Amino acid sequence: MEQTYNGMPATDLAGASWRKSRYSNSQGNCVELAELADGSIAVRNSRFPEGPALIYTRDEIRALVLGVKDGEFDGLTV
């Protein structure tokens, strides 16, 4: 498997199965996530699927999800 790095083209992540939230709107304005073979998580913009992917550890994604659930980012959605 090719070495993954932040900002690499999402299309270079062979075999990635991208998922997006059911809350995504009909225009596709959402982020998509994919679990990679090494256990890390890739994130891309659904409007630009061939664009760059950001690669995060499971712990980083866990911290983000827990913060979202706790309302720490609510001010960013208004």
N, C-alpha and C. Protein backbone atom coordinates (compact mmCIF):
# COMPACT_ATOMS: atom_id res chain seq x y z
N MET A 1 0.84 -1.18 0.00
CA MET A 1 0.00 0.00 0.00
C MET A 1 0.88 1.25 0.00
N GLU A 2 0.50 2.22 -0.76
CA GLU A 2 1.23 3.48 -0.82
C GLU A 2 1.15 4.20 0.52
N GLN A 3 2.22 4.88 0.88
CA GLN A 3 2.24 5.66 2.12
C GLN A 3 1.18 6.76 2.04
N THR A 4 0.37 6.89 3.08
CA THR A 4 -0.63 7.95 3.11
C THR A 4 -0.05 9.19 3.77
N TYR A 5 -0.54 10.33 3.35
CA TYR A 5 -0.09 11.60 3.93
C TYR A 5 -1.19 12.63 3.77
N ASN A 6 -1.19 13.62 4.66
CA ASN A 6 -2.19 14.69 4.59
C ASN A 6 -2.06 15.46 3.29
N GLY A 7 -3.19 15.66 2.64
CA GLY A 7 -3.22 16.42 1.41
C GLY A 7 -3.04 15.59 0.16
N MET A 8 -2.88 14.29 0.31
CA MET A 8 -2.74 13.45 -0.88
C MET A 8 -4.07 13.40 -1.64
N PRO A 9 -4.04 13.20 -2.95
CA PRO A 9 -5.29 13.10 -3.71
C PRO A 9 -6.14 11.94 -3.19
N ALA A 10 -7.39 12.21 -2.93
CA ALA A 10 -8.29 11.18 -2.42
C ALA A 10 -8.37 10.00 -3.37
N THR A 11 -8.21 10.25 -4.66
CA THR A 11 -8.28 9.17 -5.65
C THR A 11 -7.09 8.21 -5.54
N ASP A 12 -6.04 8.61 -4.85
CA ASP A 12 -4.88 7.73 -4.66
C ASP A 12 -5.09 6.74 -3.50
N LEU A 13 -6.19 6.87 -2.79
CA LEU A 13 -6.48 5.96 -1.69
C LEU A 13 -7.26 4.76 -2.23
N ALA A 14 -6.55 3.89 -2.89
CA ALA A 14 -7.16 2.73 -3.55
C ALA A 14 -7.94 1.89 -2.54
N GLY A 15 -9.14 1.52 -2.91
CA GLY A 15 -9.96 0.66 -2.08
C GLY A 15 -10.71 1.37 -0.97
N ALA A 16 -10.54 2.67 -0.86
CA ALA A 16 -11.26 3.41 0.19
C ALA A 16 -12.76 3.38 -0.09
N SER A 17 -13.52 3.06 0.93
CA SER A 17 -14.98 3.04 0.82
C SER A 17 -15.50 4.27 1.57
N TRP A 18 -15.85 5.29 0.81
CA TRP A 18 -16.22 6.59 1.39
C TRP A 18 -17.66 6.56 1.90
N ARG A 19 -17.86 7.18 3.08
CA ARG A 19 -19.20 7.28 3.69
C ARG A 19 -19.47 8.73 4.04
N LYS A 20 -20.74 9.13 3.89
CA LYS A 20 -21.12 10.46 4.34
C LYS A 20 -22.37 10.38 5.19
N SER A 21 -22.59 11.41 5.94
CA SER A 21 -23.72 11.45 6.86
C SER A 21 -25.05 11.41 6.12
N ARG A 22 -26.02 10.80 6.73
CA ARG A 22 -27.38 10.83 6.16
C ARG A 22 -27.96 12.23 6.23
N TYR A 23 -27.33 13.13 6.98
CA TYR A 23 -27.76 14.51 7.06
C TYR A 23 -27.24 15.36 5.90
N SER A 24 -26.43 14.79 5.05
CA SER A 24 -25.89 15.52 3.91
C SER A 24 -27.04 16.00 3.02
N ASN A 25 -26.91 17.20 2.48
CA ASN A 25 -28.00 17.73 1.66
C ASN A 25 -27.93 17.20 0.23
N SER A 26 -28.96 17.45 -0.55
CA SER A 26 -29.07 16.91 -1.90
C SER A 26 -28.02 17.48 -2.86
N GLN A 27 -27.40 18.61 -2.53
CA GLN A 27 -26.34 19.18 -3.36
C GLN A 27 -24.99 18.52 -3.08
N GLY A 28 -24.95 17.61 -2.14
CA GLY A 28 -23.70 16.91 -1.84
C GLY A 28 -22.73 17.70 -1.01
N ASN A 29 -23.20 18.73 -0.33
CA ASN A 29 -22.31 19.55 0.51
C ASN A 29 -22.06 18.85 1.84
N CYS A 30 -21.06 18.02 1.84
CA CYS A 30 -20.77 17.24 3.03
C CYS A 30 -19.32 16.79 3.00
N VAL A 31 -18.85 16.31 4.13
CA VAL A 31 -17.55 15.66 4.14
C VAL A 31 -17.80 14.16 4.14
N GLU A 32 -16.84 13.43 3.61
CA GLU A 32 -16.93 11.98 3.57
C GLU A 32 -15.73 11.40 4.31
N LEU A 33 -15.94 10.26 4.95
CA LEU A 33 -14.88 9.59 5.70
C LEU A 33 -14.70 8.18 5.18
N ALA A 34 -13.47 7.69 5.27
CA ALA A 34 -13.16 6.32 4.88
C ALA A 34 -12.13 5.75 5.84
N GLU A 35 -12.35 4.51 6.26
CA GLU A 35 -11.36 3.82 7.08
C GLU A 35 -10.31 3.24 6.14
N LEU A 36 -9.05 3.46 6.47
CA LEU A 36 -7.95 2.97 5.65
C LEU A 36 -7.41 1.66 6.23
N ALA A 37 -6.65 0.94 5.43
CA ALA A 37 -6.14 -0.37 5.83
C ALA A 37 -5.32 -0.33 7.12
N ASP A 38 -4.62 0.78 7.37
CA ASP A 38 -3.79 0.87 8.58
C ASP A 38 -4.58 1.33 9.80
N GLY A 39 -5.91 1.50 9.65
CA GLY A 39 -6.75 1.91 10.77
C GLY A 39 -6.98 3.40 10.87
N SER A 40 -6.25 4.19 10.10
CA SER A 40 -6.46 5.63 10.12
C SER A 40 -7.74 5.97 9.35
N ILE A 41 -8.16 7.22 9.47
CA ILE A 41 -9.40 7.68 8.85
C ILE A 41 -9.07 8.82 7.89
N ALA A 42 -9.55 8.70 6.66
CA ALA A 42 -9.37 9.76 5.66
C ALA A 42 -10.65 10.58 5.57
N VAL A 43 -10.50 11.88 5.35
CA VAL A 43 -11.63 12.80 5.23
C VAL A 43 -11.46 13.59 3.94
N ARG A 44 -12.56 13.72 3.18
CA ARG A 44 -12.51 14.50 1.94
C ARG A 44 -13.79 15.31 1.78
N ASN A 45 -13.74 16.30 0.91
CA ASN A 45 -14.89 17.15 0.59
C ASN A 45 -15.70 16.44 -0.49
N SER A 46 -16.99 16.20 -0.24
CA SER A 46 -17.81 15.46 -1.20
C SER A 46 -18.03 16.22 -2.50
N ARG A 47 -17.88 17.53 -2.48
CA ARG A 47 -18.04 18.32 -3.71
C ARG A 47 -16.80 18.25 -4.59
N PHE A 48 -15.69 17.78 -4.04
CA PHE A 48 -14.44 17.70 -4.78
C PHE A 48 -13.77 16.36 -4.44
N PRO A 49 -14.41 15.24 -4.83
CA PRO A 49 -13.94 13.92 -4.38
C PRO A 49 -12.55 13.55 -4.86
N GLU A 50 -12.08 14.17 -5.91
CA GLU A 50 -10.72 13.86 -6.39
C GLU A 50 -9.68 14.76 -5.73
N GLY A 51 -10.14 15.67 -4.91
CA GLY A 51 -9.24 16.62 -4.25
C GLY A 51 -8.47 15.98 -3.10
N PRO A 52 -7.88 16.82 -2.26
CA PRO A 52 -7.03 16.31 -1.18
C PRO A 52 -7.82 15.61 -0.08
N ALA A 53 -7.17 14.64 0.52
CA ALA A 53 -7.72 13.95 1.68
C ALA A 53 -6.85 14.27 2.89
N LEU A 54 -7.50 14.46 4.02
CA LEU A 54 -6.78 14.64 5.28
C LEU A 54 -6.83 13.31 6.01
N ILE A 55 -5.72 12.91 6.58
CA ILE A 55 -5.59 11.61 7.24
C ILE A 55 -5.46 11.83 8.75
N TYR A 56 -6.32 11.17 9.51
CA TYR A 56 -6.34 11.31 10.97
C TYR A 56 -6.22 9.95 11.64
N THR A 57 -5.73 9.95 12.86
CA THR A 57 -5.71 8.72 13.65
C THR A 57 -7.11 8.49 14.21
N ARG A 58 -7.35 7.28 14.67
CA ARG A 58 -8.65 6.98 15.31
C ARG A 58 -8.85 7.85 16.55
N ASP A 59 -7.79 8.08 17.31
CA ASP A 59 -7.91 8.91 18.51
C ASP A 59 -8.30 10.35 18.16
N GLU A 60 -7.76 10.87 17.07
CA GLU A 60 -8.12 12.23 16.64
C GLU A 60 -9.59 12.30 16.23
N ILE A 61 -10.06 11.31 15.49
CA ILE A 61 -11.47 11.28 15.08
C ILE A 61 -12.37 11.09 16.29
N ARG A 62 -11.96 10.23 17.21
CA ARG A 62 -12.74 10.01 18.43
C ARG A 62 -12.88 11.32 19.21
N ALA A 63 -11.81 12.09 19.35
CA ALA A 63 -11.87 13.36 20.07
C ALA A 63 -12.81 14.33 19.36
N LEU A 64 -12.79 14.37 18.04
CA LEU A 64 -13.69 15.24 17.29
C LEU A 64 -15.15 14.83 17.50
N VAL A 65 -15.44 13.54 17.35
CA VAL A 65 -16.82 13.07 17.49
C VAL A 65 -17.33 13.32 18.90
N LEU A 66 -16.53 13.06 19.90
CA LEU A 66 -16.96 13.32 21.28
C LEU A 66 -17.20 14.81 21.52
N GLY A 67 -16.35 15.66 20.96
CA GLY A 67 -16.55 17.10 21.07
C GLY A 67 -17.83 17.56 20.40
N VAL A 68 -18.13 16.98 19.23
CA VAL A 68 -19.38 17.31 18.53
C VAL A 68 -20.57 16.88 19.37
N LYS A 69 -20.51 15.66 19.90
CA LYS A 69 -21.61 15.16 20.73
C LYS A 69 -21.82 16.02 21.97
N ASP A 70 -20.74 16.57 22.49
CA ASP A 70 -20.82 17.43 23.69
C ASP A 70 -21.25 18.85 23.38
N GLY A 71 -21.39 19.18 22.10
CA GLY A 71 -21.82 20.52 21.72
C GLY A 71 -20.70 21.54 21.62
N GLU A 72 -19.45 21.10 21.67
CA GLU A 72 -18.32 22.02 21.66
C GLU A 72 -18.20 22.82 20.37
N PHE A 73 -18.82 22.36 19.31
CA PHE A 73 -18.70 23.03 18.01
C PHE A 73 -20.02 23.60 17.52
N ASP A 74 -21.01 23.64 18.38
CA ASP A 74 -22.34 24.11 17.98
C ASP A 74 -22.30 25.52 17.37
N GLY A 75 -21.43 26.38 17.85
CA GLY A 75 -21.33 27.74 17.34
C GLY A 75 -20.87 27.81 15.90
N LEU A 76 -20.30 26.75 15.37
CA LEU A 76 -19.83 26.74 13.99
C LEU A 76 -20.94 26.45 12.98
N THR A 77 -22.10 26.06 13.45
CA THR A 77 -23.19 25.67 12.54
C THR A 77 -24.31 26.70 12.45
N VAL A 78 -24.12 27.85 13.04
CA VAL A 78 -25.16 28.90 12.98
C VAL A 78 -24.73 30.02 12.06
